[in-house]
Amino acid sequence: SKVERMRVKAERFMTLLFENYMENPTLLPERHQLRFEKYGTERVICDYIASMTDRYAQDEYKKLYEPFERA
């Protein structure tokens, strides 16, 4: 169904963001990086992604994965 396809796409989208931030944690804003030691990198990255609006998450994805997108 269309809903299931959208769910799968959204899951993959969030997974790619998470994996990229885990490989490159310095891409997170500094205020979030300061929380790594206390809460752990995975938890901080999860919280950061969870706090994103749909539009912001899409913009971040474009910056990370579209070759000619402005950083």
C-alpha atoms as a PDB file:
ATOM      1  CA  SER A   1       0.000   0.000   0.000  1.00  0.00           C
ATOM      2  CA  LYS A   2       1.015   3.625  -0.369  1.00  0.00           C
ATOM      3  CA  VAL A   3       1.184   4.081   3.402  1.00  0.00           C
ATOM      4  CA  GLU A   4       3.529   1.112   3.774  1.00  0.00           C
ATOM      5  CA  ARG A   5       5.800   2.430   0.995  1.00  0.00           C
ATOM      6  CA  MET A   6       5.944   5.828   2.709  1.00  0.00           C
ATOM      7  CA  ARG A   7       6.780   4.170   6.041  1.00  0.00           C
ATOM      8  CA  VAL A   8       9.603   2.156   4.490  1.00  0.00           C
ATOM      9  CA  LYS A   9      11.009   5.250   2.763  1.00  0.00           C
ATOM     10  CA  ALA A  10      10.861   7.286   5.972  1.00  0.00           C
ATOM     11  CA  GLU A  11      12.586   4.518   7.926  1.00  0.00           C
ATOM     12  CA  ARG A  12      15.393   4.305   5.359  1.00  0.00           C
ATOM     13  CA  PHE A  13      15.716   8.088   5.310  1.00  0.00           C
ATOM     14  CA  MET A  14      16.134   8.267   9.109  1.00  0.00           C
ATOM     15  CA  THR A  15      18.521   5.299   9.098  1.00  0.00           C
ATOM     16  CA  LEU A  16      20.758   7.002   6.535  1.00  0.00           C
ATOM     17  CA  LEU A  17      20.841  10.194   8.596  1.00  0.00           C
ATOM     18  CA  PHE A  18      21.661   8.224  11.749  1.00  0.00           C
ATOM     19  CA  GLU A  19      24.435   6.220  10.060  1.00  0.00           C
ATOM     20  CA  ASN A  20      25.968   9.340   8.573  1.00  0.00           C
ATOM     21  CA  TYR A  21      25.994  11.167  11.903  1.00  0.00           C
ATOM     22  CA  MET A  22      27.469   8.106  13.638  1.00  0.00           C
ATOM     23  CA  GLU A  23      30.294   8.060  11.078  1.00  0.00           C
ATOM     24  CA  ASN A  24      30.698  11.853  11.255  1.00  0.00           C
ATOM     25  CA  PRO A  25      29.483  13.016  14.686  1.00  0.00           C
ATOM     26  CA  THR A  26      31.208  16.378  14.277  1.00  0.00           C
ATOM     27  CA  LEU A  27      28.504  17.285  11.738  1.00  0.00           C
ATOM     28  CA  LEU A  28      26.107  17.833  14.635  1.00  0.00           C
ATOM     29  CA  PRO A  29      25.936  21.331  16.098  1.00  0.00           C
ATOM     30  CA  GLU A  30      28.536  21.870  18.814  1.00  0.00           C
ATOM     31  CA  ARG A  31      25.929  22.155  21.577  1.00  0.00           C
ATOM     32  CA  HIS A  32      24.889  18.568  20.814  1.00  0.00           C
ATOM     33  CA  GLN A  33      28.476  17.339  20.569  1.00  0.00           C
ATOM     34  CA  LEU A  34      29.067  18.579  24.115  1.00  0.00           C
ATOM     35  CA  ARG A  35      26.511  16.001  25.314  1.00  0.00           C
ATOM     36  CA  PHE A  36      28.297  12.963  23.798  1.00  0.00           C
ATOM     37  CA  GLU A  37      30.348  12.132  26.888  1.00  0.00           C
ATOM     38  CA  LYS A  38      27.453  12.359  29.338  1.00  0.00           C
ATOM     39  CA  TYR A  39      24.718  10.659  27.285  1.00  0.00           C
ATOM     40  CA  GLY A  40      26.596   8.708  24.618  1.00  0.00           C
ATOM     41  CA  THR A  41      26.927   9.463  20.932  1.00  0.00           C
ATOM     42  CA  GLU A  42      24.074   7.179  19.819  1.00  0.00           C
ATOM     43  CA  ARG A  43      21.575   8.699  22.277  1.00  0.00           C
ATOM     44  CA  VAL A  44      22.515  12.273  21.353  1.00  0.00           C
ATOM     45  CA  ILE A  45      22.234  11.535  17.638  1.00  0.00           C
ATOM     46  CA  CYS A  46      18.852   9.838  18.122  1.00  0.00           C
ATOM     47  CA  ASP A  47      17.600  12.820  20.124  1.00  0.00           C
ATOM     48  CA  TYR A  48      18.932  15.250  17.519  1.00  0.00           C
ATOM     49  CA  ILE A  49      17.186  13.438  14.658  1.00  0.00           C
ATOM     50  CA  ALA A  50      13.979  13.089  16.698  1.00  0.00           C
ATOM     51  CA  SER A  51      13.948  16.853  17.252  1.00  0.00           C
ATOM     52  CA  MET A  52      14.112  17.623  13.520  1.00  0.00           C
ATOM     53  CA  THR A  53      11.099  18.887  11.639  1.00  0.00           C
ATOM     54  CA  ASP A  54      10.330  17.059   8.404  1.00  0.00           C
ATOM     55  CA  ARG A  55      11.625  20.018   6.377  1.00  0.00           C
ATOM     56  CA  TYR A  56      14.858  20.295   8.360  1.00  0.00           C
ATOM     57  CA  ALA A  57      15.497  16.549   8.066  1.00  0.00           C
ATOM     58  CA  GLN A  58      14.971  16.762   4.301  1.00  0.00           C
ATOM     59  CA  ASP A  59      17.371  19.704   4.062  1.00  0.00           C
ATOM     60  CA  GLU A  60      20.012  17.856   6.085  1.00  0.00           C
ATOM     61  CA  TYR A  61      19.601  14.780   3.894  1.00  0.00           C
ATOM     62  CA  LYS A  62      20.094  16.899   0.771  1.00  0.00           C
ATOM     63  CA  LYS A  63      23.253  18.468   2.204  1.00  0.00           C
ATOM     64  CA  LEU A  64      24.663  15.036   3.015  1.00  0.00           C
ATOM     65  CA  TYR A  65      23.648  13.041  -0.041  1.00  0.00           C
ATOM     66  CA  GLU A  66      22.991  15.324  -2.997  1.00  0.00           C
ATOM     67  CA  PRO A  67      26.344  16.166  -4.613  1.00  0.00           C
ATOM     68  CA  PHE A  68      25.560  19.730  -5.676  1.00  0.00           C
ATOM     69  CA  GLU A  69      23.452  20.816  -2.723  1.00  0.00           C
ATOM     70  CA  ARG A  70      24.804  23.795  -0.810  1.00  0.00           C
ATOM     71  CA  ALA A  71      26.265  22.832   2.561  1.00  0.00           C
END
